[in-house]
Amino acid sequence: MVSKCANPGCSTPFLYLHEGKLFRFEKGAGNGSAFGTDPNLRQPMRRIEFFWLCDRCAGRMTVVFEEGVGVTVLPLTRGRPAA
């Protein structure tokens, strides 16, 4: 459940979906997960996690998933001005 901005340096509470930016990540269960395997599909179950950035942070940052690291907040990279 999303309760606040995903930026660790921000404490803005999550109140409305129309404010800020919501990110959805689907994660595989992996071996030995508490989520187990769906006996009908015979595939590892997946779980979906949501992260939210408030309006202020969404203008400067993004949320990314890096294998082996997890979910992190990174600054947005701006393109170079045209020459």
PDB file of N, CA and C in Angstrom:
ATOM      1  N   MET A   1       0.837  -1.174   0.000  1.00  0.00           N
ATOM      2  CA  MET A   1       0.000   0.000   0.000  1.00  0.00           C
ATOM      3  C   MET A   1       0.884   1.240   0.000  1.00  0.00           C
ATOM      4  N   VAL A   2       0.573   2.165  -0.850  1.00  0.00           N
ATOM      5  CA  VAL A   2       1.332   3.407  -0.945  1.00  0.00           C
ATOM      6  C   VAL A   2       0.855   4.349   0.155  1.00  0.00           C
ATOM      7  N   SER A   3       1.801   4.876   0.931  1.00  0.00           N
ATOM      8  CA  SER A   3       1.405   5.795   2.001  1.00  0.00           C
ATOM      9  C   SER A   3       2.071   7.158   1.888  1.00  0.00           C
ATOM     10  N   LYS A   4       3.244   7.203   1.219  1.00  0.00           N
ATOM     11  CA  LYS A   4       3.950   8.469   1.067  1.00  0.00           C
ATOM     12  C   LYS A   4       4.781   8.452  -0.197  1.00  0.00           C
ATOM     13  N   CYS A   5       5.378   9.576  -0.487  1.00  0.00           N
ATOM     14  CA  CYS A   5       6.249   9.713  -1.646  1.00  0.00           C
ATOM     15  C   CYS A   5       7.391   8.693  -1.571  1.00  0.00           C
ATOM     16  N   ALA A   6       7.740   8.096  -2.714  1.00  0.00           N
ATOM     17  CA  ALA A   6       8.804   7.094  -2.767  1.00  0.00           C
ATOM     18  C   ALA A   6      10.193   7.694  -2.548  1.00  0.00           C
ATOM     19  N   ASN A   7      10.313   9.012  -2.680  1.00  0.00           N
ATOM     20  CA  ASN A   7      11.589   9.678  -2.432  1.00  0.00           C
ATOM     21  C   ASN A   7      11.865   9.615  -0.924  1.00  0.00           C
ATOM     22  N   PRO A   8      12.960   8.956  -0.517  1.00  0.00           N
ATOM     23  CA  PRO A   8      13.253   8.839   0.915  1.00  0.00           C
ATOM     24  C   PRO A   8      13.416  10.186   1.620  1.00  0.00           C
ATOM     25  N   GLY A   9      13.762  11.226   0.875  1.00  0.00           N
ATOM     26  CA  GLY A   9      13.953  12.546   1.460  1.00  0.00           C
ATOM     27  C   GLY A   9      12.686  13.386   1.514  1.00  0.00           C
ATOM     28  N   CYS A  10      11.562  12.803   1.119  1.00  0.00           N
ATOM     29  CA  CYS A  10      10.293  13.535   1.087  1.00  0.00           C
ATOM     30  C   CYS A  10       9.268  12.804   1.944  1.00  0.00           C
ATOM     31  N   SER A  11       8.506  13.548   2.703  1.00  0.00           N
ATOM     32  CA  SER A  11       7.499  12.913   3.567  1.00  0.00           C
ATOM     33  C   SER A  11       6.067  13.262   3.153  1.00  0.00           C
ATOM     34  N   THR A  12       5.873  13.713   1.918  1.00  0.00           N
ATOM     35  CA  THR A  12       4.533  14.070   1.449  1.00  0.00           C
ATOM     36  C   THR A  12       3.641  12.828   1.463  1.00  0.00           C
ATOM     37  N   PRO A  13       2.494  12.893   2.136  1.00  0.00           N
ATOM     38  CA  PRO A  13       1.608  11.724   2.193  1.00  0.00           C
ATOM     39  C   PRO A  13       0.836  11.543   0.893  1.00  0.00           C
ATOM     40  N   PHE A  14       0.574  10.284   0.543  1.00  0.00           N
ATOM     41  CA  PHE A  14      -0.239   9.961  -0.626  1.00  0.00           C
ATOM     42  C   PHE A  14      -1.707  10.143  -0.249  1.00  0.00           C
ATOM     43  N   LEU A  15      -2.412  11.011  -0.998  1.00  0.00           N
ATOM     44  CA  LEU A  15      -3.823  11.263  -0.719  1.00  0.00           C
ATOM     45  C   LEU A  15      -4.713  10.988  -1.922  1.00  0.00           C
ATOM     46  N   TYR A  16      -4.269  11.395  -3.130  1.00  0.00           N
ATOM     47  CA  TYR A  16      -5.112  11.300  -4.317  1.00  0.00           C
ATOM     48  C   TYR A  16      -4.321  10.759  -5.505  1.00  0.00           C
ATOM     49  N   LEU A  17      -4.986   9.961  -6.344  1.00  0.00           N
ATOM     50  CA  LEU A  17      -4.332   9.425  -7.535  1.00  0.00           C
ATOM     51  C   LEU A  17      -4.025  10.502  -8.568  1.00  0.00           C
ATOM     52  N   HIS A  18      -4.780  11.586  -8.589  1.00  0.00           N
ATOM     53  CA  HIS A  18      -4.561  12.605  -9.614  1.00  0.00           C
ATOM     54  C   HIS A  18      -3.402  13.547  -9.277  1.00  0.00           C
ATOM     55  N   GLU A  19      -2.773  13.355  -8.136  1.00  0.00           N
ATOM     56  CA  GLU A  19      -1.603  14.172  -7.767  1.00  0.00           C
ATOM     57  C   GLU A  19      -0.352  13.316  -7.861  1.00  0.00           C
ATOM     58  N   GLY A  20       0.688  13.852  -8.441  1.00  0.00           N
ATOM     59  CA  GLY A  20       1.944  13.129  -8.534  1.00  0.00           C
ATOM     60  C   GLY A  20       1.925  12.099  -9.647  1.00  0.00           C
ATOM     61  N   LYS A  21       2.785  11.080  -9.509  1.00  0.00           N
ATOM     62  CA  LYS A  21       2.921  10.062 -10.544  1.00  0.00           C
ATOM     63  C   LYS A  21       3.027   8.693  -9.877  1.00  0.00           C
ATOM     64  N   LEU A  22       2.227   7.746 -10.368  1.00  0.00           N
ATOM     65  CA  LEU A  22       2.187   6.394  -9.822  1.00  0.00           C
ATOM     66  C   LEU A  22       2.991   5.463 -10.719  1.00  0.00           C
ATOM     67  N   PHE A  23       3.802   4.608 -10.118  1.00  0.00           N
ATOM     68  CA  PHE A  23       4.625   3.648 -10.842  1.00  0.00           C
ATOM     69  C   PHE A  23       4.194   2.245 -10.445  1.00  0.00           C
ATOM     70  N   ARG A  24       4.137   1.341 -11.423  1.00  0.00           N
ATOM     71  CA  ARG A  24       3.729  -0.049 -11.185  1.00  0.00           C
ATOM     72  C   ARG A  24       4.865  -0.955 -11.629  1.00  0.00           C
ATOM     73  N   PHE A  25       5.269  -1.857 -10.739  1.00  0.00           N
ATOM     74  CA  PHE A  25       6.317  -2.822 -11.055  1.00  0.00           C
ATOM     75  C   PHE A  25       5.800  -4.219 -10.791  1.00  0.00           C
ATOM     76  N   GLU A  26       6.035  -5.118 -11.731  1.00  0.00           N
ATOM     77  CA  GLU A  26       5.651  -6.514 -11.575  1.00  0.00           C
ATOM     78  C   GLU A  26       6.917  -7.294 -11.256  1.00  0.00           C
ATOM     79  N   LYS A  27       6.875  -7.999 -10.146  1.00  0.00           N
ATOM     80  CA  LYS A  27       8.054  -8.743  -9.712  1.00  0.00           C
ATOM     81  C   LYS A  27       7.742 -10.227  -9.715  1.00  0.00           C
ATOM     82  N   GLY A  28       8.681 -11.018 -10.226  1.00  0.00           N
ATOM     83  CA  GLY A  28       8.526 -12.465 -10.198  1.00  0.00           C
ATOM     84  C   GLY A  28       8.699 -12.966  -8.776  1.00  0.00           C
ATOM     85  N   ALA A  29       8.071 -14.089  -8.471  1.00  0.00           N
ATOM     86  CA  ALA A  29       8.120 -14.623  -7.117  1.00  0.00           C
ATOM     87  C   ALA A  29       9.468 -15.250  -6.800  1.00  0.00           C
ATOM     88  N   GLY A  30      10.112 -15.838  -7.785  1.00  0.00           N
ATOM     89  CA  GLY A  30      11.390 -16.492  -7.528  1.00  0.00           C
ATOM     90  C   GLY A  30      11.194 -17.791  -6.784  1.00  0.00           C
ATOM     91  N   ASN A  31      12.270 -18.481  -6.528  1.00  0.00           N
ATOM     92  CA  ASN A  31      12.194 -19.763  -5.827  1.00  0.00           C
ATOM     93  C   ASN A  31      12.024 -19.552  -4.336  1.00  0.00           C
ATOM     94  N   GLY A  32      11.220 -20.408  -3.738  1.00  0.00           N
ATOM     95  CA  GLY A  32      11.054 -20.355  -2.293  1.00  0.00           C
ATOM     96  C   GLY A  32      10.232 -19.186  -1.800  1.00  0.00           C
ATOM     97  N   SER A  33       9.497 -18.548  -2.679  1.00  0.00           N
ATOM     98  CA  SER A  33       8.706 -17.389  -2.282  1.00  0.00           C
ATOM     99  C   SER A  33       7.480 -17.814  -1.503  1.00  0.00           C
ATOM    100  N   ALA A  34       7.026 -16.955  -0.636  1.00  0.00           N
ATOM    101  CA  ALA A  34       5.806 -17.207   0.116  1.00  0.00           C
ATOM    102  C   ALA A  34       4.592 -17.206  -0.805  1.00  0.00           C
ATOM    103  N   PHE A  35       4.728 -16.647  -2.016  1.00  0.00           N
ATOM    104  CA  PHE A  35       3.608 -16.612  -2.943  1.00  0.00           C
ATOM    105  C   PHE A  35       3.423 -17.945  -3.651  1.00  0.00           C
ATOM    106  N   GLY A  36       4.464 -18.777  -3.712  1.00  0.00           N
ATOM    107  CA  GLY A  36       4.361 -20.117  -4.264  1.00  0.00           C
ATOM    108  C   GLY A  36       4.104 -20.160  -5.751  1.00  0.00           C
ATOM    109  N   THR A  37       3.449 -21.245  -6.181  1.00  0.00           N
ATOM    110  CA  THR A  37       3.158 -21.479  -7.585  1.00  0.00           C
ATOM    111  C   THR A  37       1.671 -21.689  -7.752  1.00  0.00           C
ATOM    112  N   ASP A  38       1.112 -21.155  -8.797  1.00  0.00           N
ATOM    113  CA  ASP A  38      -0.299 -21.362  -9.090  1.00  0.00           C
ATOM    114  C   ASP A  38      -0.438 -22.768  -9.670  1.00  0.00           C
ATOM    115  N   PRO A  39      -1.159 -23.671  -8.990  1.00  0.00           N
ATOM    116  CA  PRO A  39      -1.249 -25.059  -9.465  1.00  0.00           C
ATOM    117  C   PRO A  39      -1.946 -25.183 -10.817  1.00  0.00           C
ATOM    118  N   ASN A  40      -2.795 -24.239 -11.183  1.00  0.00           N
ATOM    119  CA  ASN A  40      -3.482 -24.295 -12.475  1.00  0.00           C
ATOM    120  C   ASN A  40      -2.581 -23.861 -13.617  1.00  0.00           C
ATOM    121  N   LEU A  41      -1.730 -22.892 -13.385  1.00  0.00           N
ATOM    122  CA  LEU A  41      -0.855 -22.372 -14.430  1.00  0.00           C
ATOM    123  C   LEU A  41       0.517 -23.029 -14.425  1.00  0.00           C
ATOM    124  N   ARG A  42       0.900 -23.588 -13.295  1.00  0.00           N
ATOM    125  CA  ARG A  42       2.220 -24.196 -13.111  1.00  0.00           C
ATOM    126  C   ARG A  42       3.341 -23.215 -13.430  1.00  0.00           C
ATOM    127  N   GLN A  43       3.102 -21.973 -13.032  1.00  0.00           N
ATOM    128  CA  GLN A  43       4.089 -20.917 -13.214  1.00  0.00           C
ATOM    129  C   GLN A  43       4.250 -20.202 -11.882  1.00  0.00           C
ATOM    130  N   PRO A  44       5.416 -19.642 -11.633  1.00  0.00           N
ATOM    131  CA  PRO A  44       5.569 -18.855 -10.409  1.00  0.00           C
ATOM    132  C   PRO A  44       4.600 -17.678 -10.414  1.00  0.00           C
ATOM    133  N   MET A  45       3.993 -17.422  -9.289  1.00  0.00           N
ATOM    134  CA  MET A  45       3.087 -16.282  -9.190  1.00  0.00           C
ATOM    135  C   MET A  45       3.901 -15.001  -9.166  1.00  0.00           C
ATOM    136  N   ARG A  46       3.309 -13.934  -9.655  1.00  0.00           N
ATOM    137  CA  ARG A  46       3.983 -12.642  -9.682  1.00  0.00           C
ATOM    138  C   ARG A  46       3.263 -11.715  -8.733  1.00  0.00           C
ATOM    139  N   ARG A  47       3.984 -10.705  -8.293  1.00  0.00           N
ATOM    140  CA  ARG A  47       3.327  -9.724  -7.437  1.00  0.00           C
ATOM    141  C   ARG A  47       3.555  -8.341  -8.016  1.00  0.00           C
ATOM    142  N   ILE A  48       2.573  -7.502  -7.813  1.00  0.00           N
ATOM    143  CA  ILE A  48       2.621  -6.139  -8.335  1.00  0.00           C
ATOM    144  C   ILE A  48       2.802  -5.193  -7.162  1.00  0.00           C
ATOM    145  N   GLU A  49       3.760  -4.279  -7.305  1.00  0.00           N
ATOM    146  CA  GLU A  49       4.007  -3.264  -6.281  1.00  0.00           C
ATOM    147  C   GLU A  49       3.859  -1.892  -6.909  1.00  0.00           C
ATOM    148  N   PHE A  50       3.304  -0.973  -6.138  1.00  0.00           N
ATOM    149  CA  PHE A  50       3.112   0.397  -6.599  1.00  0.00           C
ATOM    150  C   PHE A  50       3.968   1.348  -5.780  1.00  0.00           C
ATOM    151  N   PHE A  51       4.504   2.361  -6.457  1.00  0.00           N
ATOM    152  CA  PHE A  51       5.277   3.421  -5.818  1.00  0.00           C
ATOM    153  C   PHE A  51       4.758   4.737  -6.366  1.00  0.00           C
ATOM    154  N   TRP A  52       4.799   5.770  -5.561  1.00  0.00           N
ATOM    155  CA  TRP A  52       4.238   7.064  -5.938  1.00  0.00           C
ATOM    156  C   TRP A  52       5.224   8.170  -5.639  1.00  0.00           C
ATOM    157  N   LEU A  53       5.344   9.111  -6.576  1.00  0.00           N
ATOM    158  CA  LEU A  53       6.125  10.330  -6.364  1.00  0.00           C
ATOM    159  C   LEU A  53       5.154  11.499  -6.322  1.00  0.00           C
ATOM    160  N   CYS A  54       5.309  12.377  -5.348  1.00  0.00           N
ATOM    161  CA  CYS A  54       4.465  13.567  -5.255  1.00  0.00           C
ATOM    162  C   CYS A  54       4.751  14.483  -6.452  1.00  0.00           C
ATOM    163  N   ASP A  55       3.899  15.481  -6.651  1.00  0.00           N
ATOM    164  CA  ASP A  55       4.066  16.403  -7.788  1.00  0.00           C
ATOM    165  C   ASP A  55       5.461  17.010  -7.837  1.00  0.00           C
ATOM    166  N   ARG A  56       5.941  17.476  -6.704  1.00  0.00           N
ATOM    167  CA  ARG A  56       7.251  18.149  -6.655  1.00  0.00           C
ATOM    168  C   ARG A  56       8.369  17.187  -7.040  1.00  0.00           C
ATOM    169  N   CYS A  57       8.372  15.988  -6.481  1.00  0.00           N
ATOM    170  CA  CYS A  57       9.437  15.026  -6.767  1.00  0.00           C
ATOM    171  C   CYS A  57       9.318  14.433  -8.166  1.00  0.00           C
ATOM    172  N   ALA A  58       8.085  14.255  -8.668  1.00  0.00           N
ATOM    173  CA  ALA A  58       7.877  13.679 -10.002  1.00  0.00           C
ATOM    174  C   ALA A  58       8.443  14.575 -11.098  1.00  0.00           C
ATOM    175  N   GLY A  59       8.544  15.870 -10.847  1.00  0.00           N
ATOM    176  CA  GLY A  59       9.123  16.783 -11.822  1.00  0.00           C
ATOM    177  C   GLY A  59      10.636  16.696 -11.893  1.00  0.00           C
ATOM    178  N   ARG A  60      11.252  16.080 -10.879  1.00  0.00           N
ATOM    179  CA  ARG A  60      12.709  16.010 -10.820  1.00  0.00           C
ATOM    180  C   ARG A  60      13.265  14.595 -10.794  1.00  0.00           C
ATOM    181  N   MET A  61      12.395  13.597 -10.499  1.00  0.00           N
ATOM    182  CA  MET A  61      12.875  12.238 -10.283  1.00  0.00           C
ATOM    183  C   MET A  61      11.994  11.216 -10.973  1.00  0.00           C
ATOM    184  N   THR A  62      12.499   9.980 -11.019  1.00  0.00           N
ATOM    185  CA  THR A  62      11.726   8.851 -11.510  1.00  0.00           C
ATOM    186  C   THR A  62      12.017   7.654 -10.613  1.00  0.00           C
ATOM    187  N   VAL A  63      11.170   6.642 -10.699  1.00  0.00           N
ATOM    188  CA  VAL A  63      11.348   5.414  -9.934  1.00  0.00           C
ATOM    189  C   VAL A  63      11.710   4.319 -10.920  1.00  0.00           C
ATOM    190  N   VAL A  64      12.777   3.568 -10.640  1.00  0.00           N
ATOM    191  CA  VAL A  64      13.229   2.502 -11.527  1.00  0.00           C
ATOM    192  C   VAL A  64      13.460   1.226 -10.725  1.00  0.00           C
ATOM    193  N   PHE A  65      13.362   0.090 -11.411  1.00  0.00           N
ATOM    194  CA  PHE A  65      13.675  -1.195 -10.804  1.00  0.00           C
ATOM    195  C   PHE A  65      14.962  -1.705 -11.423  1.00  0.00           C
ATOM    196  N   GLU A  66      15.938  -2.026 -10.577  1.00  0.00           N
ATOM    197  CA  GLU A  66      17.207  -2.575 -11.043  1.00  0.00           C
ATOM    198  C   GLU A  66      17.361  -3.969 -10.469  1.00  0.00           C
ATOM    199  N   GLU A  67      17.579  -4.956 -11.356  1.00  0.00           N
ATOM    200  CA  GLU A  67      17.755  -6.340 -10.927  1.00  0.00           C
ATOM    201  C   GLU A  67      18.895  -6.440  -9.917  1.00  0.00           C
ATOM    202  N   GLY A  68      18.668  -7.110  -8.834  1.00  0.00           N
ATOM    203  CA  GLY A  68      19.680  -7.275  -7.801  1.00  0.00           C
ATOM    204  C   GLY A  68      19.749  -6.128  -6.813  1.00  0.00           C
ATOM    205  N   VAL A  69      19.138  -4.996  -7.155  1.00  0.00           N
ATOM    206  CA  VAL A  69      19.149  -3.827  -6.280  1.00  0.00           C
ATOM    207  C   VAL A  69      17.760  -3.575  -5.717  1.00  0.00           C
ATOM    208  N   GLY A  70      16.767  -3.636  -6.603  1.00  0.00           N
ATOM    209  CA  GLY A  70      15.393  -3.349  -6.213  1.00  0.00           C
ATOM    210  C   GLY A  70      14.940  -2.014  -6.773  1.00  0.00           C
ATOM    211  N   VAL A  71      13.966  -1.439  -6.120  1.00  0.00           N
ATOM    212  CA  VAL A  71      13.384  -0.177  -6.571  1.00  0.00           C
ATOM    213  C   VAL A  71      14.183   0.981  -5.996  1.00  0.00           C
ATOM    214  N   THR A  72      14.552   1.919  -6.857  1.00  0.00           N
ATOM    215  CA  THR A  72      15.290   3.103  -6.418  1.00  0.00           C
ATOM    216  C   THR A  72      14.706   4.351  -7.078  1.00  0.00           C
ATOM    217  N   VAL A  73      14.977   5.478  -6.477  1.00  0.00           N
ATOM    218  CA  VAL A  73      14.556   6.772  -7.015  1.00  0.00           C
ATOM    219  C   VAL A  73      15.791   7.439  -7.593  1.00  0.00           C
ATOM    220  N   LEU A  74      15.701   7.853  -8.861  1.00  0.00           N
ATOM    221  CA  LEU A  74      16.833   8.487  -9.546  1.00  0.00           C
ATOM    222  C   LEU A  74      16.413   9.829 -10.108  1.00  0.00           C
ATOM    223  N   PRO A  75      17.362  10.759 -10.224  1.00  0.00           N
ATOM    224  CA  PRO A  75      17.041  12.046 -10.848  1.00  0.00           C
ATOM    225  C   PRO A  75      16.722  11.853 -12.325  1.00  0.00           C
ATOM    226  N   LEU A  76      15.811  12.660 -12.839  1.00  0.00           N
ATOM    227  CA  LEU A  76      15.517  12.635 -14.273  1.00  0.00           C
ATOM    228  C   LEU A  76      16.713  13.193 -15.025  1.00  0.00           C
ATOM    229  N   THR A  77      17.035  12.595 -16.134  1.00  0.00           N
ATOM    230  CA  THR A  77      18.126  13.109 -16.967  1.00  0.00           C
ATOM    231  C   THR A  77      17.514  13.972 -18.047  1.00  0.00           C
ATOM    232  N   ARG A  78      18.022  15.121 -18.199  1.00  0.00           N
ATOM    233  CA  ARG A  78      17.535  16.052 -19.215  1.00  0.00           C
ATOM    234  C   ARG A  78      18.405  15.897 -20.459  1.00  0.00           C
ATOM    235  N   GLY A  79      17.767  15.968 -21.628  1.00  0.00           N
ATOM    236  CA  GLY A  79      18.516  15.907 -22.872  1.00  0.00           C
ATOM    237  C   GLY A  79      19.370  17.147 -23.055  1.00  0.00           C
ATOM    238  N   ARG A  80      20.399  17.014 -23.845  1.00  0.00           N
ATOM    239  CA  ARG A  80      21.252  18.170 -24.144  1.00  0.00           C
ATOM    240  C   ARG A  80      20.509  19.128 -25.055  1.00  0.00           C
ATOM    241  N   PRO A  81      20.741  20.406 -24.885  1.00  0.00           N
ATOM    242  CA  PRO A  81      20.112  21.363 -25.801  1.00  0.00           C
ATOM    243  C   PRO A  81      20.617  21.167 -27.223  1.00  0.00           C
ATOM    244  N   ALA A  82      19.757  21.433 -28.190  1.00  0.00           N
ATOM    245  CA  ALA A  82      20.152  21.285 -29.600  1.00  0.00           C
ATOM    246  C   ALA A  82      21.242  22.288 -29.939  1.00  0.00           C
ATOM    247  N   ALA A  83      22.190  21.860 -30.762  1.00  0.00           N
ATOM    248  CA  ALA A  83      23.316  22.718 -31.139  1.00  0.00           C
ATOM    249  C   ALA A  83      22.955  23.637 -32.270  1.00  0.00           C
TER     250      ALA A  83
END
